[in-house]
Amino acid sequence: MYVVAIAWLYVVLIVSVTDHTIVGGVLTFIFWGLAPLALFLWIFGTPARRRSARRRTGTDETNTNDKAESGLDQ
């Protein structure tokens, strides 16, 4: 995931350097690079944040959904 983020920032940096004005280059880097990348990393980082929050609180989802012992003979 981080390789994609680094590659995207590299491409946007090259595009923003070739812009005609400094303001245009900065705005290109912010609106085509940083803002979409922050959104991408936030959305795709949600499962990792949930796992770390579960690990901190000590709850484990595998124990609550275990129905291995519930057979027809019970």
N, C-alpha and C. Protein backbone atom coordinates (compact mmCIF):
# COMPACT_ATOMS: atom_id res chain seq x y z
N MET A 1 0.82 -1.18 0.00
CA MET A 1 0.00 0.00 0.00
C MET A 1 0.87 1.25 0.00
N TYR A 2 1.98 1.20 0.74
CA TYR A 2 2.83 2.38 0.80
C TYR A 2 3.61 2.59 -0.49
N VAL A 3 3.85 1.53 -1.24
CA VAL A 3 4.54 1.68 -2.52
C VAL A 3 3.66 2.48 -3.48
N VAL A 4 2.37 2.21 -3.47
CA VAL A 4 1.43 2.96 -4.31
C VAL A 4 1.40 4.42 -3.89
N ALA A 5 1.41 4.67 -2.59
CA ALA A 5 1.38 6.05 -2.10
C ALA A 5 2.64 6.81 -2.49
N ILE A 6 3.79 6.18 -2.37
CA ILE A 6 5.04 6.84 -2.73
C ILE A 6 5.09 7.09 -4.23
N ALA A 7 4.65 6.12 -5.02
CA ALA A 7 4.64 6.30 -6.49
C ALA A 7 3.69 7.42 -6.89
N TRP A 8 2.53 7.49 -6.25
CA TRP A 8 1.57 8.55 -6.56
C TRP A 8 2.15 9.92 -6.22
N LEU A 9 2.78 10.04 -5.06
CA LEU A 9 3.39 11.32 -4.69
C LEU A 9 4.51 11.70 -5.66
N TYR A 10 5.26 10.73 -6.13
CA TYR A 10 6.33 11.01 -7.09
C TYR A 10 5.74 11.55 -8.40
N VAL A 11 4.71 10.90 -8.90
CA VAL A 11 4.09 11.35 -10.16
C VAL A 11 3.50 12.75 -10.00
N VAL A 12 2.81 12.98 -8.90
CA VAL A 12 2.20 14.30 -8.69
C VAL A 12 3.27 15.36 -8.50
N LEU A 13 4.36 15.02 -7.85
CA LEU A 13 5.46 15.97 -7.69
C LEU A 13 6.05 16.36 -9.03
N ILE A 14 6.25 15.39 -9.91
CA ILE A 14 6.77 15.68 -11.25
C ILE A 14 5.80 16.57 -12.03
N VAL A 15 4.51 16.26 -11.93
CA VAL A 15 3.51 17.07 -12.64
C VAL A 15 3.46 18.47 -12.07
N SER A 16 3.56 18.61 -10.76
CA SER A 16 3.47 19.95 -10.16
C SER A 16 4.73 20.77 -10.43
N VAL A 17 5.87 20.13 -10.58
CA VAL A 17 7.09 20.86 -10.91
C VAL A 17 7.02 21.43 -12.32
N THR A 18 6.36 20.73 -13.22
CA THR A 18 6.27 21.19 -14.60
C THR A 18 5.15 22.20 -14.82
N ASP A 19 4.44 22.58 -13.77
CA ASP A 19 3.38 23.58 -13.92
C ASP A 19 4.00 24.95 -14.20
N HIS A 20 3.23 25.84 -14.83
CA HIS A 20 3.76 27.13 -15.28
C HIS A 20 3.99 28.10 -14.13
N THR A 21 3.20 28.05 -13.09
CA THR A 21 3.36 28.98 -11.98
C THR A 21 3.63 28.21 -10.68
N ILE A 22 4.20 28.91 -9.73
CA ILE A 22 4.48 28.29 -8.44
C ILE A 22 3.19 27.99 -7.70
N VAL A 23 2.25 28.92 -7.75
CA VAL A 23 0.97 28.71 -7.07
C VAL A 23 0.23 27.52 -7.69
N GLY A 24 0.26 27.43 -9.01
CA GLY A 24 -0.38 26.31 -9.68
C GLY A 24 0.28 24.99 -9.32
N GLY A 25 1.60 24.98 -9.19
CA GLY A 25 2.30 23.77 -8.80
C GLY A 25 1.98 23.33 -7.39
N VAL A 26 1.91 24.31 -6.48
CA VAL A 26 1.58 23.98 -5.09
C VAL A 26 0.15 23.47 -4.99
N LEU A 27 -0.77 24.14 -5.68
CA LEU A 27 -2.17 23.70 -5.65
C LEU A 27 -2.34 22.33 -6.31
N THR A 28 -1.61 22.09 -7.37
CA THR A 28 -1.65 20.77 -8.01
C THR A 28 -1.15 19.70 -7.05
N PHE A 29 -0.06 19.99 -6.35
CA PHE A 29 0.48 19.00 -5.41
C PHE A 29 -0.49 18.74 -4.26
N ILE A 30 -1.14 19.79 -3.77
CA ILE A 30 -2.07 19.62 -2.65
C ILE A 30 -3.34 18.88 -3.09
N PHE A 31 -3.97 19.37 -4.18
CA PHE A 31 -5.28 18.83 -4.55
C PHE A 31 -5.22 17.55 -5.38
N TRP A 32 -4.10 17.29 -6.03
CA TRP A 32 -3.97 16.04 -6.78
C TRP A 32 -3.12 15.03 -6.03
N GLY A 33 -2.35 15.48 -5.05
CA GLY A 33 -1.43 14.59 -4.35
C GLY A 33 -1.79 14.34 -2.91
N LEU A 34 -1.70 15.36 -2.09
CA LEU A 34 -1.85 15.17 -0.65
C LEU A 34 -3.27 14.85 -0.24
N ALA A 35 -4.24 15.58 -0.73
CA ALA A 35 -5.63 15.37 -0.30
C ALA A 35 -6.15 13.98 -0.72
N PRO A 36 -6.04 13.57 -1.99
CA PRO A 36 -6.51 12.23 -2.34
C PRO A 36 -5.71 11.12 -1.66
N LEU A 37 -4.41 11.34 -1.46
CA LEU A 37 -3.61 10.33 -0.81
C LEU A 37 -3.98 10.18 0.66
N ALA A 38 -4.26 11.29 1.33
CA ALA A 38 -4.70 11.22 2.73
C ALA A 38 -6.02 10.47 2.84
N LEU A 39 -6.94 10.74 1.92
CA LEU A 39 -8.22 10.03 1.92
C LEU A 39 -8.02 8.54 1.65
N PHE A 40 -7.18 8.21 0.70
CA PHE A 40 -6.88 6.81 0.36
C PHE A 40 -6.29 6.07 1.56
N LEU A 41 -5.29 6.67 2.19
CA LEU A 41 -4.65 6.01 3.34
C LEU A 41 -5.60 5.91 4.52
N TRP A 42 -6.47 6.89 4.70
CA TRP A 42 -7.43 6.84 5.80
C TRP A 42 -8.45 5.73 5.58
N ILE A 43 -8.97 5.60 4.36
CA ILE A 43 -9.98 4.57 4.07
C ILE A 43 -9.36 3.19 4.13
N PHE A 44 -8.22 2.99 3.49
CA PHE A 44 -7.62 1.67 3.47
C PHE A 44 -6.86 1.32 4.74
N GLY A 45 -6.68 2.27 5.62
CA GLY A 45 -6.06 2.00 6.91
C GLY A 45 -7.06 1.70 8.01
N THR A 46 -8.35 1.77 7.70
CA THR A 46 -9.39 1.53 8.71
C THR A 46 -9.33 0.12 9.29
N PRO A 47 -9.17 -0.93 8.52
CA PRO A 47 -9.09 -2.27 9.13
C PRO A 47 -7.91 -2.40 10.11
N ALA A 48 -6.79 -1.82 9.78
CA ALA A 48 -5.64 -1.88 10.69
C ALA A 48 -5.90 -1.11 11.97
N ARG A 49 -6.57 0.03 11.86
CA ARG A 49 -6.91 0.80 13.07
C ARG A 49 -7.89 0.02 13.94
N ARG A 50 -8.85 -0.67 13.32
CA ARG A 50 -9.80 -1.47 14.10
C ARG A 50 -9.11 -2.63 14.80
N ARG A 51 -8.19 -3.29 14.09
CA ARG A 51 -7.46 -4.39 14.70
C ARG A 51 -6.62 -3.91 15.89
N SER A 52 -5.96 -2.78 15.74
CA SER A 52 -5.14 -2.29 16.84
C SER A 52 -6.00 -1.83 18.00
N ALA A 53 -7.18 -1.27 17.73
CA ALA A 53 -8.08 -0.87 18.81
C ALA A 53 -8.60 -2.10 19.54
N ARG A 54 -8.94 -3.16 18.81
CA ARG A 54 -9.38 -4.40 19.44
C ARG A 54 -8.27 -5.02 20.27
N ARG A 55 -7.06 -4.94 19.76
CA ARG A 55 -5.93 -5.50 20.48
C ARG A 55 -5.67 -4.72 21.77
N ARG A 56 -5.86 -3.40 21.73
CA ARG A 56 -5.67 -2.59 22.93
C ARG A 56 -6.72 -2.87 23.99
N THR A 57 -7.98 -3.05 23.56
CA THR A 57 -9.04 -3.29 24.52
C THR A 57 -9.08 -4.73 25.00
N GLY A 58 -8.47 -5.63 24.27
CA GLY A 58 -8.41 -7.02 24.68
C GLY A 58 -9.57 -7.86 24.18
N THR A 59 -10.48 -7.32 23.42
CA THR A 59 -11.58 -8.12 22.88
C THR A 59 -11.11 -8.83 21.63
N ASP A 60 -11.55 -10.05 21.49
CA ASP A 60 -11.17 -10.85 20.34
C ASP A 60 -12.44 -11.37 19.68
N GLU A 61 -12.60 -11.05 18.41
CA GLU A 61 -13.84 -11.40 17.71
C GLU A 61 -13.96 -12.90 17.47
N THR A 62 -12.86 -13.61 17.44
CA THR A 62 -12.94 -15.04 17.16
C THR A 62 -13.61 -15.81 18.29
N ASN A 63 -13.48 -15.37 19.53
CA ASN A 63 -14.09 -16.07 20.65
C ASN A 63 -15.60 -15.83 20.72
N THR A 64 -16.07 -14.69 20.31
CA THR A 64 -17.50 -14.39 20.41
C THR A 64 -18.32 -15.05 19.32
N ASN A 65 -17.72 -15.38 18.20
CA ASN A 65 -18.46 -15.97 17.09
C ASN A 65 -18.17 -17.45 16.91
N ASP A 66 -17.60 -18.09 17.88
CA ASP A 66 -17.23 -19.49 17.76
C ASP A 66 -18.44 -20.38 18.06
N LYS A 67 -18.88 -21.10 17.05
CA LYS A 67 -20.04 -22.00 17.22
C LYS A 67 -19.64 -23.44 16.88
N ALA A 68 -18.40 -23.78 17.17
CA ALA A 68 -17.90 -25.11 16.85
C ALA A 68 -18.52 -26.18 17.73
N GLU A 69 -18.93 -25.82 18.95
CA GLU A 69 -19.49 -26.78 19.88
C GLU A 69 -21.01 -26.90 19.78
N SER A 70 -21.65 -26.12 18.95
CA SER A 70 -23.10 -26.16 18.86
C SER A 70 -23.52 -27.09 17.70
N GLY A 71 -23.63 -28.35 17.99
CA GLY A 71 -24.04 -29.33 16.99
C GLY A 71 -25.52 -29.68 17.15
N LEU A 72 -25.98 -30.59 16.33
CA LEU A 72 -27.37 -31.01 16.39
C LEU A 72 -27.67 -31.87 17.62
N ASP A 73 -26.65 -32.49 18.20
CA ASP A 73 -26.88 -33.37 19.33
C ASP A 73 -27.03 -32.64 20.67
N GLN A 74 -26.91 -31.38 20.69
CA GLN A 74 -27.01 -30.64 21.96
C GLN A 74 -28.39 -30.11 22.21
